[in-house]
């Protein structure tokens, strides 16, 4: 499965942004999907997770309240909305998926990765 993350860019602090993760195969609709981010010089960190029955979403404690993950099976995509952006949200955002149904924040357990989309938040 090939994933394509998009929607990043330069935004001013306080604004919102919606990132999209599109997949090349319909099997993506049965994958669990997560978003991660990696700031310069930092490790990749978990942002959000969604089970593909749409019943379970989990968020990073540091971002909860400002992020929403959702799925659009008709478009074979998963989106991540981030509101009230802060300069410290600046990072490359990656979507990842795996074929099992378990929730995890561990980077190494995700089988498929998009190339990342850069979000830069100016103050």
N, C-alpha and C. Protein backbone atom coordinates (compact mmCIF):
# COMPACT_ATOMS: atom_id res chain seq x y z
N UNK A 1 0.85 -1.19 0.00
CA UNK A 1 0.00 0.00 0.00
C UNK A 1 0.89 1.23 0.00
N UNK A 2 0.65 2.13 -0.91
CA UNK A 2 1.40 3.38 -0.95
C UNK A 2 0.54 4.49 -0.38
N UNK A 3 1.12 5.26 0.53
CA UNK A 3 0.40 6.36 1.16
C UNK A 3 0.97 7.69 0.69
N UNK A 4 0.08 8.63 0.53
CA UNK A 4 0.49 9.97 0.10
C UNK A 4 -0.09 10.98 1.07
N UNK A 5 0.80 11.64 1.81
CA UNK A 5 0.36 12.69 2.73
C UNK A 5 0.43 14.03 2.03
N UNK A 6 -0.55 14.87 2.28
CA UNK A 6 -0.58 16.19 1.65
C UNK A 6 -1.29 17.18 2.56
N UNK A 7 -1.21 18.44 2.20
CA UNK A 7 -1.92 19.48 2.92
C UNK A 7 -1.06 20.37 3.79
N UNK A 8 0.22 20.07 3.88
CA UNK A 8 1.10 20.89 4.67
C UNK A 8 1.38 22.22 4.00
N UNK A 9 2.05 23.09 4.72
CA UNK A 9 2.40 24.38 4.17
C UNK A 9 2.80 25.34 5.27
N UNK A 10 2.92 26.59 4.90
CA UNK A 10 3.26 27.66 5.84
C UNK A 10 1.96 28.32 6.32
N UNK A 11 1.75 28.32 7.62
CA UNK A 11 0.55 28.92 8.18
C UNK A 11 0.93 29.79 9.37
N UNK A 12 0.09 30.75 9.67
CA UNK A 12 0.32 31.61 10.82
C UNK A 12 -0.24 30.96 12.08
N UNK A 13 0.40 31.23 13.18
CA UNK A 13 -0.07 30.72 14.46
C UNK A 13 -1.52 31.13 14.68
N UNK A 14 -2.27 30.20 15.23
CA UNK A 14 -3.69 30.46 15.49
C UNK A 14 -4.61 29.93 14.42
N UNK A 15 -4.06 29.70 13.24
CA UNK A 15 -4.87 29.18 12.14
C UNK A 15 -5.01 27.66 12.23
N UNK A 16 -5.79 27.12 11.30
CA UNK A 16 -6.04 25.68 11.25
C UNK A 16 -5.51 25.10 9.94
N UNK A 17 -5.34 23.79 9.95
CA UNK A 17 -4.83 23.10 8.78
C UNK A 17 -5.43 21.71 8.75
N UNK A 18 -5.71 21.22 7.55
CA UNK A 18 -6.18 19.85 7.39
C UNK A 18 -5.22 19.08 6.51
N UNK A 19 -4.70 18.01 7.04
CA UNK A 19 -3.80 17.13 6.31
C UNK A 19 -4.57 15.92 5.81
N UNK A 20 -4.18 15.41 4.67
CA UNK A 20 -4.84 14.24 4.10
C UNK A 20 -3.84 13.13 3.85
N UNK A 21 -4.31 11.91 4.02
CA UNK A 21 -3.51 10.73 3.74
C UNK A 21 -4.32 9.88 2.77
N UNK A 22 -3.84 9.77 1.55
CA UNK A 22 -4.53 9.00 0.52
C UNK A 22 -3.76 7.73 0.23
N UNK A 23 -4.49 6.67 -0.06
CA UNK A 23 -3.84 5.38 -0.29
C UNK A 23 -4.09 4.89 -1.71
N UNK A 24 -3.18 4.05 -2.14
CA UNK A 24 -3.24 3.54 -3.51
C UNK A 24 -4.16 2.34 -3.66
N UNK A 25 -4.50 1.70 -2.55
CA UNK A 25 -5.30 0.48 -2.63
C UNK A 25 -6.51 0.54 -1.71
N UNK A 26 -7.57 -0.12 -2.12
CA UNK A 26 -8.79 -0.13 -1.34
C UNK A 26 -8.62 -0.87 -0.03
N UNK A 27 -7.62 -1.74 0.04
CA UNK A 27 -7.38 -2.47 1.29
C UNK A 27 -7.06 -1.52 2.44
N UNK A 28 -6.65 -0.29 2.08
CA UNK A 28 -6.37 0.75 3.08
C UNK A 28 -7.58 0.98 3.98
N UNK A 29 -8.77 0.77 3.43
CA UNK A 29 -9.99 1.02 4.20
C UNK A 29 -10.14 0.08 5.38
N UNK A 30 -9.38 -1.00 5.40
CA UNK A 30 -9.44 -1.92 6.54
C UNK A 30 -8.24 -1.76 7.46
N UNK A 31 -7.33 -0.85 7.11
CA UNK A 31 -6.14 -0.64 7.94
C UNK A 31 -6.44 0.30 9.09
N UNK A 32 -5.73 0.13 10.19
CA UNK A 32 -5.72 1.17 11.21
C UNK A 32 -4.67 2.19 10.78
N UNK A 33 -4.93 3.44 11.08
CA UNK A 33 -4.12 4.52 10.56
C UNK A 33 -3.72 5.47 11.69
N UNK A 34 -2.52 5.96 11.60
CA UNK A 34 -2.04 6.93 12.59
C UNK A 34 -1.30 8.06 11.89
N UNK A 35 -1.26 9.18 12.57
CA UNK A 35 -0.42 10.30 12.16
C UNK A 35 0.69 10.46 13.21
N UNK A 36 1.87 10.73 12.68
CA UNK A 36 3.03 11.03 13.52
C UNK A 36 3.60 12.35 13.03
N UNK A 37 4.48 12.93 13.82
CA UNK A 37 5.19 14.11 13.36
C UNK A 37 6.63 14.07 13.87
N UNK A 38 7.48 14.76 13.13
CA UNK A 38 8.89 14.80 13.50
C UNK A 38 9.43 16.20 13.27
N UNK A 39 9.79 16.83 14.36
CA UNK A 39 10.40 18.15 14.28
C UNK A 39 11.90 18.00 14.06
N UNK A 40 12.56 19.02 13.54
CA UNK A 40 14.00 18.94 13.31
C UNK A 40 14.75 18.58 14.58
N UNK A 41 15.59 17.56 14.48
CA UNK A 41 16.39 17.15 15.61
C UNK A 41 15.66 16.35 16.67
N UNK A 42 14.39 16.06 16.41
CA UNK A 42 13.58 15.34 17.39
C UNK A 42 13.21 13.95 16.86
N UNK A 43 12.76 13.10 17.76
CA UNK A 43 12.27 11.79 17.36
C UNK A 43 10.84 11.92 16.83
N UNK A 44 10.47 10.95 16.04
CA UNK A 44 9.11 10.93 15.52
C UNK A 44 8.14 10.64 16.67
N UNK A 45 7.09 11.43 16.75
CA UNK A 45 6.16 11.26 17.86
C UNK A 45 4.74 11.04 17.36
N UNK A 46 4.01 10.30 18.16
CA UNK A 46 2.63 9.97 17.84
C UNK A 46 1.74 11.20 17.96
N UNK A 47 0.79 11.30 17.03
CA UNK A 47 -0.16 12.41 17.05
C UNK A 47 -1.59 11.91 17.22
N UNK A 48 -2.02 10.97 16.36
CA UNK A 48 -3.41 10.53 16.41
C UNK A 48 -3.56 9.16 15.76
N UNK A 49 -4.63 8.45 16.13
CA UNK A 49 -4.89 7.10 15.63
C UNK A 49 -6.38 6.95 15.38
N UNK A 50 -6.71 6.16 14.35
CA UNK A 50 -8.10 5.84 14.11
C UNK A 50 -8.23 4.39 13.71
N UNK A 51 -9.20 3.72 14.30
CA UNK A 51 -9.53 2.37 13.86
C UNK A 51 -10.46 2.52 12.67
N UNK A 52 -10.45 1.60 11.75
CA UNK A 52 -11.15 1.83 10.50
C UNK A 52 -12.63 1.51 10.57
N UNK A 53 -13.11 1.10 11.74
CA UNK A 53 -14.55 1.08 11.90
C UNK A 53 -15.05 2.42 12.44
N UNK A 54 -14.12 3.35 12.64
CA UNK A 54 -14.48 4.69 13.07
C UNK A 54 -14.90 4.80 14.50
N UNK A 55 -14.78 3.73 15.23
CA UNK A 55 -15.29 3.77 16.61
C UNK A 55 -14.24 4.26 17.60
N UNK A 56 -13.00 4.08 17.26
CA UNK A 56 -11.95 4.40 18.22
C UNK A 56 -10.95 5.38 17.64
N UNK A 57 -10.80 6.51 18.32
CA UNK A 57 -9.79 7.49 17.97
C UNK A 57 -8.99 7.79 19.24
N UNK A 58 -7.71 7.91 19.08
CA UNK A 58 -6.84 8.25 20.19
C UNK A 58 -5.93 9.39 19.77
N UNK A 59 -5.64 10.24 20.74
CA UNK A 59 -4.86 11.44 20.44
C UNK A 59 -3.71 11.59 21.43
N UNK A 60 -2.68 12.26 20.94
CA UNK A 60 -1.58 12.62 21.81
C UNK A 60 -2.09 13.55 22.91
N UNK A 61 -1.64 13.31 24.13
CA UNK A 61 -2.07 14.15 25.25
C UNK A 61 -1.72 15.62 25.02
N UNK A 62 -0.57 15.84 24.39
CA UNK A 62 -0.10 17.21 24.22
C UNK A 62 -0.90 17.97 23.16
N UNK A 63 -1.61 17.24 22.31
CA UNK A 63 -2.34 17.89 21.24
C UNK A 63 -3.85 17.76 21.38
N UNK A 64 -4.30 16.91 22.29
CA UNK A 64 -5.73 16.66 22.41
C UNK A 64 -6.49 17.95 22.66
N UNK A 65 -7.60 18.05 21.95
CA UNK A 65 -8.38 19.28 22.01
C UNK A 65 -8.16 20.16 20.80
N UNK A 66 -7.04 19.94 20.10
CA UNK A 66 -6.74 20.74 18.93
C UNK A 66 -6.69 19.90 17.66
N UNK A 67 -6.81 18.59 17.78
CA UNK A 67 -6.69 17.74 16.61
C UNK A 67 -7.90 16.81 16.49
N UNK A 68 -8.25 16.51 15.24
CA UNK A 68 -9.33 15.58 14.96
C UNK A 68 -8.90 14.70 13.80
N UNK A 69 -8.98 13.41 13.99
CA UNK A 69 -8.68 12.46 12.92
C UNK A 69 -9.99 11.87 12.44
N UNK A 70 -10.12 11.72 11.13
CA UNK A 70 -11.36 11.18 10.58
C UNK A 70 -11.06 10.42 9.30
N UNK A 71 -12.02 9.63 8.87
CA UNK A 71 -11.82 8.81 7.67
C UNK A 71 -12.90 9.11 6.64
N UNK A 72 -12.53 8.94 5.40
CA UNK A 72 -13.48 9.05 4.29
C UNK A 72 -13.24 7.83 3.40
N UNK A 73 -13.98 6.78 3.67
CA UNK A 73 -13.73 5.54 2.95
C UNK A 73 -14.04 5.66 1.46
N UNK A 74 -14.99 6.51 1.13
CA UNK A 74 -15.32 6.68 -0.28
C UNK A 74 -14.13 7.25 -1.05
N UNK A 75 -13.35 8.07 -0.37
CA UNK A 75 -12.18 8.68 -1.02
C UNK A 75 -10.89 7.95 -0.67
N UNK A 76 -11.01 6.90 0.15
CA UNK A 76 -9.83 6.14 0.53
C UNK A 76 -8.79 7.03 1.22
N UNK A 77 -9.27 7.91 2.08
CA UNK A 77 -8.37 8.84 2.76
C UNK A 77 -8.67 8.92 4.25
N UNK A 78 -7.66 9.36 4.97
CA UNK A 78 -7.79 9.70 6.38
C UNK A 78 -7.26 11.12 6.54
N UNK A 79 -7.98 11.96 7.25
CA UNK A 79 -7.55 13.34 7.40
C UNK A 79 -7.24 13.65 8.87
N UNK A 80 -6.41 14.66 9.03
CA UNK A 80 -6.04 15.15 10.36
C UNK A 80 -6.23 16.66 10.35
N UNK A 81 -7.12 17.14 11.17
CA UNK A 81 -7.33 18.58 11.30
C UNK A 81 -6.63 19.07 12.56
N UNK A 82 -5.89 20.15 12.41
CA UNK A 82 -5.20 20.74 13.55
C UNK A 82 -5.67 22.19 13.65
N UNK A 83 -6.15 22.56 14.80
CA UNK A 83 -6.60 23.93 15.01
C UNK A 83 -5.65 24.66 15.97
N UNK A 84 -5.82 25.97 16.02
CA UNK A 84 -5.01 26.81 16.93
C UNK A 84 -3.53 26.45 16.84
N UNK A 85 -3.02 26.44 15.63
CA UNK A 85 -1.63 26.03 15.41
C UNK A 85 -0.66 26.93 16.16
N UNK A 86 0.41 26.30 16.64
CA UNK A 86 1.46 26.99 17.39
C UNK A 86 2.79 26.77 16.68
N UNK A 87 3.75 27.66 16.87
CA UNK A 87 5.06 27.45 16.24
C UNK A 87 5.68 26.10 16.59
N UNK A 88 5.41 25.60 17.77
CA UNK A 88 5.97 24.29 18.16
C UNK A 88 5.30 23.12 17.46
N UNK A 89 4.26 23.39 16.68
CA UNK A 89 3.66 22.34 15.84
C UNK A 89 4.44 22.16 14.54
N UNK A 90 5.41 23.00 14.30
CA UNK A 90 6.22 22.88 13.09
C UNK A 90 6.93 21.54 13.06
N UNK A 91 6.69 20.79 11.99
CA UNK A 91 7.24 19.44 11.87
C UNK A 91 6.86 18.86 10.52
N UNK A 92 7.48 17.76 10.18
CA UNK A 92 7.00 16.94 9.07
C UNK A 92 5.98 15.96 9.64
N UNK A 93 4.82 15.95 9.03
CA UNK A 93 3.74 15.09 9.50
C UNK A 93 3.64 13.88 8.57
N UNK A 94 3.61 12.71 9.17
CA UNK A 94 3.56 11.45 8.43
C UNK A 94 2.28 10.69 8.75
N UNK A 95 1.70 10.08 7.74
CA UNK A 95 0.64 9.12 8.00
C UNK A 95 1.23 7.72 7.84
N UNK A 96 0.65 6.81 8.59
CA UNK A 96 1.13 5.43 8.58
C UNK A 96 -0.06 4.50 8.79
N UNK A 97 0.07 3.30 8.29
CA UNK A 97 -1.03 2.35 8.46
C UNK A 97 -0.50 0.95 8.71
N UNK A 98 -1.37 0.12 9.22
CA UNK A 98 -1.05 -1.28 9.43
C UNK A 98 -2.31 -2.10 9.28
N UNK A 99 -2.12 -3.36 8.97
CA UNK A 99 -3.27 -4.18 8.62
C UNK A 99 -3.97 -4.81 9.81
N UNK A 100 -3.36 -4.74 11.01
CA UNK A 100 -4.08 -5.29 12.15
C UNK A 100 -4.97 -4.22 12.78
N UNK A 101 -5.69 -4.59 13.82
CA UNK A 101 -6.70 -3.69 14.39
C UNK A 101 -6.29 -3.06 15.71
N UNK A 102 -5.06 -3.29 16.13
CA UNK A 102 -4.65 -2.87 17.47
C UNK A 102 -4.18 -1.43 17.50
N UNK A 103 -4.49 -0.77 18.61
CA UNK A 103 -4.02 0.58 18.84
C UNK A 103 -2.59 0.53 19.34
N UNK A 104 -1.73 1.31 18.74
CA UNK A 104 -0.36 1.45 19.22
C UNK A 104 0.19 2.79 18.80
N UNK A 105 1.12 3.30 19.59
CA UNK A 105 1.82 4.54 19.24
C UNK A 105 3.23 4.25 18.78
N UNK A 106 3.56 2.98 18.71
CA UNK A 106 4.94 2.60 18.37
C UNK A 106 5.19 2.71 16.88
N UNK A 107 6.14 3.51 16.52
CA UNK A 107 6.49 3.76 15.12
C UNK A 107 6.82 2.46 14.39
N UNK A 108 7.54 1.60 15.04
CA UNK A 108 8.04 0.39 14.37
C UNK A 108 6.96 -0.62 14.03
N UNK A 109 5.77 -0.46 14.60
CA UNK A 109 4.71 -1.42 14.34
C UNK A 109 3.83 -1.04 13.16
N UNK A 110 4.10 0.08 12.54
CA UNK A 110 3.33 0.48 11.37
C UNK A 110 4.04 0.00 10.11
N UNK A 111 3.28 -0.62 9.23
CA UNK A 111 3.85 -1.28 8.06
C UNK A 111 4.07 -0.33 6.89
N UNK A 112 3.18 0.61 6.73
CA UNK A 112 3.20 1.47 5.56
C UNK A 112 3.29 2.94 5.98
N UNK A 113 4.09 3.69 5.23
CA UNK A 113 4.31 5.09 5.57
C UNK A 113 4.19 5.96 4.33
N UNK A 114 3.62 7.14 4.55
CA UNK A 114 3.67 8.15 3.52
C UNK A 114 4.99 8.89 3.60
N UNK A 115 5.22 9.77 2.65
CA UNK A 115 6.50 10.46 2.56
C UNK A 115 6.59 11.66 3.50
N UNK A 116 5.49 12.06 4.08
CA UNK A 116 5.50 13.20 4.98
C UNK A 116 5.14 14.49 4.29
N UNK A 117 4.52 15.37 5.04
CA UNK A 117 4.18 16.69 4.53
C UNK A 117 4.60 17.72 5.59
N UNK A 118 5.30 18.75 5.15
CA UNK A 118 5.89 19.72 6.07
C UNK A 118 4.86 20.78 6.47
N UNK A 119 4.73 20.97 7.76
CA UNK A 119 3.91 22.04 8.32
C UNK A 119 4.82 23.01 9.03
N UNK A 120 4.77 24.26 8.62
CA UNK A 120 5.58 25.30 9.24
C UNK A 120 4.63 26.36 9.78
N UNK A 121 4.73 26.62 11.07
CA UNK A 121 3.85 27.58 11.71
C UNK A 121 4.66 28.80 12.11
N UNK A 122 4.28 29.94 11.59
CA UNK A 122 5.00 31.17 11.89
C UNK A 122 4.30 31.92 13.02
N UNK A 123 5.10 32.60 13.82
CA UNK A 123 4.54 33.33 14.97
C UNK A 123 4.12 34.73 14.58
